[in-house]
């Protein structure tokens, strides 16, 4: 048996690619939120939520 499992290496590489893609998407989303906050607008998700009723 080789000192490493080629299937495990392939899975690790795929996991690293997925993680890198998720981190890029997260960074893009956070930067967009930051730009919206700096511009004084609400993020789309918050804008879609109605404000709580005042009593």
PDB file of N, CA and C in Angstrom:
ATOM      1  N   UNK A   1       0.851  -1.181   0.000  1.00  0.00           N
ATOM      2  CA  UNK A   1       0.000   0.000   0.000  1.00  0.00           C
ATOM      3  C   UNK A   1       0.893   1.241   0.000  1.00  0.00           C
ATOM      4  N   UNK A   2       0.587   2.218  -0.877  1.00  0.00           N
ATOM      5  CA  UNK A   2       1.417   3.426  -0.915  1.00  0.00           C
ATOM      6  C   UNK A   2       1.252   4.221   0.381  1.00  0.00           C
ATOM      7  N   UNK A   3       2.213   5.098   0.684  1.00  0.00           N
ATOM      8  CA  UNK A   3       2.132   5.860   1.931  1.00  0.00           C
ATOM      9  C   UNK A   3       0.967   6.848   1.969  1.00  0.00           C
ATOM     10  N   UNK A   4       0.334   7.071   0.854  1.00  0.00           N
ATOM     11  CA  UNK A   4      -0.834   7.944   0.799  1.00  0.00           C
ATOM     12  C   UNK A   4      -1.872   7.318  -0.117  1.00  0.00           C
ATOM     13  N   UNK A   5      -3.093   7.712   0.057  1.00  0.00           N
ATOM     14  CA  UNK A   5      -4.191   7.195  -0.746  1.00  0.00           C
ATOM     15  C   UNK A   5      -4.495   8.206  -1.851  1.00  0.00           C
ATOM     16  N   UNK A   6      -4.288   7.863  -3.121  1.00  0.00           N
ATOM     17  CA  UNK A   6      -4.553   8.815  -4.209  1.00  0.00           C
ATOM     18  C   UNK A   6      -5.984   9.343  -4.208  1.00  0.00           C
ATOM     19  N   UNK A   7      -6.941   8.501  -3.804  1.00  0.00           N
ATOM     20  CA  UNK A   7      -8.331   8.960  -3.732  1.00  0.00           C
ATOM     21  C   UNK A   7      -8.485  10.037  -2.666  1.00  0.00           C
ATOM     22  N   UNK A   8      -7.775   9.872  -1.566  1.00  0.00           N
ATOM     23  CA  UNK A   8      -7.839  10.857  -0.480  1.00  0.00           C
ATOM     24  C   UNK A   8      -7.244  12.183  -0.947  1.00  0.00           C
ATOM     25  N   UNK A   9      -6.164  12.125  -1.699  1.00  0.00           N
ATOM     26  CA  UNK A   9      -5.536  13.340  -2.212  1.00  0.00           C
ATOM     27  C   UNK A   9      -6.504  14.053  -3.153  1.00  0.00           C
ATOM     28  N   UNK A  10      -7.175  13.312  -4.006  1.00  0.00           N
ATOM     29  CA  UNK A  10      -8.137  13.909  -4.935  1.00  0.00           C
ATOM     30  C   UNK A  10      -9.297  14.540  -4.166  1.00  0.00           C
ATOM     31  N   UNK A  11      -9.772  13.887  -3.118  1.00  0.00           N
ATOM     32  CA  UNK A  11     -10.860  14.446  -2.311  1.00  0.00           C
ATOM     33  C   UNK A  11     -10.397  15.705  -1.598  1.00  0.00           C
ATOM     34  N   UNK A  12      -9.167  15.698  -1.074  1.00  0.00           N
ATOM     35  CA  UNK A  12      -8.635  16.878  -0.391  1.00  0.00           C
ATOM     36  C   UNK A  12      -8.515  18.054  -1.358  1.00  0.00           C
ATOM     37  N   UNK A  13      -8.061  17.786  -2.576  1.00  0.00           N
ATOM     38  CA  UNK A  13      -7.935  18.857  -3.568  1.00  0.00           C
ATOM     39  C   UNK A  13      -9.305  19.417  -3.937  1.00  0.00           C
ATOM     40  N   UNK A  14     -10.280  18.537  -4.100  1.00  0.00           N
ATOM     41  CA  UNK A  14     -11.643  18.985  -4.420  1.00  0.00           C
ATOM     42  C   UNK A  14     -12.202  19.808  -3.262  1.00  0.00           C
ATOM     43  N   UNK A  15     -11.956  19.362  -2.041  1.00  0.00           N
ATOM     44  CA  UNK A  15     -12.421  20.104  -0.863  1.00  0.00           C
ATOM     45  C   UNK A  15     -11.776  21.493  -0.823  1.00  0.00           C
ATOM     46  N   UNK A  16     -10.483  21.567  -1.111  1.00  0.00           N
ATOM     47  CA  UNK A  16      -9.799  22.859  -1.118  1.00  0.00           C
ATOM     48  C   UNK A  16     -10.384  23.776  -2.188  1.00  0.00           C
ATOM     49  N   UNK A  17     -10.714  23.242  -3.353  1.00  0.00           N
ATOM     50  CA  UNK A  17     -11.320  24.057  -4.423  1.00  0.00           C
ATOM     51  C   UNK A  17     -12.683  24.577  -3.993  1.00  0.00           C
ATOM     52  N   UNK A  18     -13.492  23.702  -3.373  1.00  0.00           N
ATOM     53  CA  UNK A  18     -14.816  24.140  -2.913  1.00  0.00           C
ATOM     54  C   UNK A  18     -14.701  25.186  -1.814  1.00  0.00           C
ATOM     55  N   UNK A  19     -13.763  24.983  -0.886  1.00  0.00           N
ATOM     56  CA  UNK A  19     -13.564  25.945   0.187  1.00  0.00           C
ATOM     57  C   UNK A  19     -13.114  27.297  -0.370  1.00  0.00           C
ATOM     58  N   UNK A  20     -12.189  27.277  -1.317  1.00  0.00           N
ATOM     59  CA  UNK A  20     -11.714  28.523  -1.923  1.00  0.00           C
ATOM     60  C   UNK A  20     -12.858  29.245  -2.624  1.00  0.00           C
ATOM     61  N   UNK A  21     -13.709  28.512  -3.323  1.00  0.00           N
ATOM     62  CA  UNK A  21     -14.845  29.133  -4.006  1.00  0.00           C
ATOM     63  C   UNK A  21     -15.819  29.724  -2.991  1.00  0.00           C
ATOM     64  N   UNK A  22     -16.075  29.005  -1.907  1.00  0.00           N
ATOM     65  CA  UNK A  22     -16.981  29.513  -0.874  1.00  0.00           C
ATOM     66  C   UNK A  22     -16.410  30.767  -0.224  1.00  0.00           C
ATOM     67  N   UNK A  23     -15.109  30.783   0.023  1.00  0.00           N
ATOM     68  CA  UNK A  23     -14.487  31.958   0.622  1.00  0.00           C
ATOM     69  C   UNK A  23     -14.551  33.160  -0.322  1.00  0.00           C
ATOM     70  N   UNK A  24     -14.347  32.922  -1.621  1.00  0.00           N
ATOM     71  CA  UNK A  24     -14.456  34.026  -2.591  1.00  0.00           C
ATOM     72  C   UNK A  24     -15.868  34.583  -2.622  1.00  0.00           C
ATOM     73  N   UNK A  25     -16.862  33.694  -2.632  1.00  0.00           N
ATOM     74  CA  UNK A  25     -18.261  34.141  -2.632  1.00  0.00           C
ATOM     75  C   UNK A  25     -18.584  34.921  -1.365  1.00  0.00           C
ATOM     76  N   UNK A  26     -18.090  34.439  -0.235  1.00  0.00           N
ATOM     77  CA  UNK A  26     -18.335  35.120   1.030  1.00  0.00           C
ATOM     78  C   UNK A  26     -17.693  36.506   1.023  1.00  0.00           C
ATOM     79  N   UNK A  27     -16.473  36.596   0.511  1.00  0.00           N
ATOM     80  CA  UNK A  27     -15.797  37.890   0.452  1.00  0.00           C
ATOM     81  C   UNK A  27     -16.565  38.861  -0.440  1.00  0.00           C
ATOM     82  N   UNK A  28     -17.040  38.395  -1.588  1.00  0.00           N
ATOM     83  CA  UNK A  28     -17.819  39.254  -2.487  1.00  0.00           C
ATOM     84  C   UNK A  28     -19.080  39.749  -1.795  1.00  0.00           C
ATOM     85  N   UNK A  29     -19.767  38.844  -1.073  1.00  0.00           N
ATOM     86  CA  UNK A  29     -20.998  39.216  -0.380  1.00  0.00           C
ATOM     87  C   UNK A  29     -20.712  40.228   0.719  1.00  0.00           C
ATOM     88  N   UNK A  30     -19.649  40.001   1.501  1.00  0.00           N
ATOM     89  CA  UNK A  30     -19.314  40.921   2.586  1.00  0.00           C
ATOM     90  C   UNK A  30     -18.900  42.285   2.048  1.00  0.00           C
ATOM     91  N   UNK A  31     -18.168  42.312   0.935  1.00  0.00           N
ATOM     92  CA  UNK A  31     -17.771  43.591   0.345  1.00  0.00           C
ATOM     93  C   UNK A  31     -18.984  44.348  -0.167  1.00  0.00           C
ATOM     94  N   UNK A  32     -19.939  43.627  -0.753  1.00  0.00           N
ATOM     95  CA  UNK A  32     -21.165  44.270  -1.227  1.00  0.00           C
ATOM     96  C   UNK A  32     -21.948  44.837  -0.049  1.00  0.00           C
ATOM     97  N   UNK A  33     -22.024  44.096   1.041  1.00  0.00           N
ATOM     98  CA  UNK A  33     -22.706  44.592   2.234  1.00  0.00           C
ATOM     99  C   UNK A  33     -22.014  45.835   2.777  1.00  0.00           C
ATOM    100  N   UNK A  34     -20.700  45.819   2.769  1.00  0.00           N
ATOM    101  CA  UNK A  34     -19.932  46.965   3.261  1.00  0.00           C
ATOM    102  C   UNK A  34     -20.175  48.193   2.384  1.00  0.00           C
ATOM    103  N   UNK A  35     -20.180  47.994   1.062  1.00  0.00           N
ATOM    104  CA  UNK A  35     -20.437  49.120   0.143  1.00  0.00           C
ATOM    105  C   UNK A  35     -21.840  49.672   0.354  1.00  0.00           C
ATOM    106  N   UNK A  36     -22.819  48.781   0.538  1.00  0.00           N
ATOM    107  CA  UNK A  36     -24.194  49.230   0.764  1.00  0.00           C
ATOM    108  C   UNK A  36     -24.302  49.994   2.079  1.00  0.00           C
ATOM    109  N   UNK A  37     -23.617  49.524   3.109  1.00  0.00           N
ATOM    110  CA  UNK A  37     -23.656  50.203   4.405  1.00  0.00           C
ATOM    111  C   UNK A  37     -23.004  51.577   4.291  1.00  0.00           C
ATOM    112  N   UNK A  38     -21.919  51.680   3.557  1.00  0.00           N
ATOM    113  CA  UNK A  38     -21.229  52.950   3.390  1.00  0.00           C
ATOM    114  C   UNK A  38     -22.075  53.924   2.571  1.00  0.00           C
ATOM    115  N   UNK A  39     -22.871  53.388   1.657  1.00  0.00           N
ATOM    116  CA  UNK A  39     -23.722  54.228   0.818  1.00  0.00           C
ATOM    117  C   UNK A  39     -25.022  54.593   1.539  1.00  0.00           C
ATOM    118  N   UNK A  40     -25.262  53.994   2.696  1.00  0.00           N
ATOM    119  CA  UNK A  40     -26.461  54.297   3.469  1.00  0.00           C
ATOM    120  C   UNK A  40     -27.685  53.526   3.023  1.00  0.00           C
ATOM    121  N   UNK A  41     -27.495  52.480   2.257  1.00  0.00           N
ATOM    122  CA  UNK A  41     -28.621  51.649   1.835  1.00  0.00           C
ATOM    123  C   UNK A  41     -28.612  50.370   2.648  1.00  0.00           C
ATOM    124  N   UNK A  42     -29.747  49.732   2.721  1.00  0.00           N
ATOM    125  CA  UNK A  42     -29.844  48.468   3.444  1.00  0.00           C
ATOM    126  C   UNK A  42     -29.550  47.319   2.488  1.00  0.00           C
ATOM    127  N   UNK A  43     -28.955  46.237   2.996  1.00  0.00           N
ATOM    128  CA  UNK A  43     -28.771  45.052   2.155  1.00  0.00           C
ATOM    129  C   UNK A  43     -30.127  44.530   1.671  1.00  0.00           C
ATOM    130  N   UNK A  44     -30.147  43.864   0.561  1.00  0.00           N
ATOM    131  CA  UNK A  44     -31.388  43.403  -0.056  1.00  0.00           C
ATOM    132  C   UNK A  44     -32.215  42.546   0.897  1.00  0.00           C
ATOM    133  N   UNK A  45     -31.580  41.660   1.655  1.00  0.00           N
ATOM    134  CA  UNK A  45     -32.325  40.789   2.572  1.00  0.00           C
ATOM    135  C   UNK A  45     -32.993  41.613   3.669  1.00  0.00           C
ATOM    136  N   UNK A  46     -32.301  42.605   4.186  1.00  0.00           N
ATOM    137  CA  UNK A  46     -32.884  43.433   5.252  1.00  0.00           C
ATOM    138  C   UNK A  46     -33.987  44.315   4.698  1.00  0.00           C
ATOM    139  N   UNK A  47     -33.830  44.783   3.469  1.00  0.00           N
ATOM    140  CA  UNK A  47     -34.835  45.634   2.857  1.00  0.00           C
ATOM    141  C   UNK A  47     -36.133  44.860   2.601  1.00  0.00           C
ATOM    142  N   UNK A  48     -36.021  43.552   2.366  1.00  0.00           N
ATOM    143  CA  UNK A  48     -37.200  42.741   2.079  1.00  0.00           C
ATOM    144  C   UNK A  48     -37.975  42.406   3.354  1.00  0.00           C
ATOM    145  N   UNK A  49     -37.344  42.549   4.505  1.00  0.00           N
ATOM    146  CA  UNK A  49     -37.993  42.238   5.783  1.00  0.00           C
ATOM    147  C   UNK A  49     -38.746  43.474   6.280  1.00  0.00           C
ATOM    148  N   UNK A  50     -40.039  43.345   6.530  1.00  0.00           N
ATOM    149  CA  UNK A  50     -40.791  44.518   7.012  1.00  0.00           C
ATOM    150  C   UNK A  50     -40.338  44.901   8.422  1.00  0.00           C
ATOM    151  N   UNK A  51     -40.390  46.161   8.751  1.00  0.00           N
ATOM    152  CA  UNK A  51     -39.986  46.573  10.095  1.00  0.00           C
ATOM    153  C   UNK A  51     -40.983  46.050  11.123  1.00  0.00           C
ATOM    154  N   UNK A  52     -40.541  45.881  12.368  1.00  0.00           N
ATOM    155  CA  UNK A  52     -41.460  45.374  13.384  1.00  0.00           C
ATOM    156  C   UNK A  52     -42.546  46.420  13.681  1.00  0.00           C
ATOM    157  N   UNK A  53     -43.723  45.942  14.065  1.00  0.00           N
ATOM    158  CA  UNK A  53     -44.832  46.847  14.364  1.00  0.00           C
ATOM    159  C   UNK A  53     -44.602  47.515  15.708  1.00  0.00           C
ATOM    160  N   UNK A  54     -44.884  48.788  15.768  1.00  0.00           N
ATOM    161  CA  UNK A  54     -44.758  49.506  17.029  1.00  0.00           C
ATOM    162  C   UNK A  54     -46.109  49.543  17.711  1.00  0.00           C
ATOM    163  N   UNK A  55     -46.087  49.379  19.004  1.00  0.00           N
ATOM    164  CA  UNK A  55     -47.344  49.421  19.757  1.00  0.00           C
ATOM    165  C   UNK A  55     -47.341  50.559  20.739  1.00  0.00           C
TER     166      UNK A  55
END
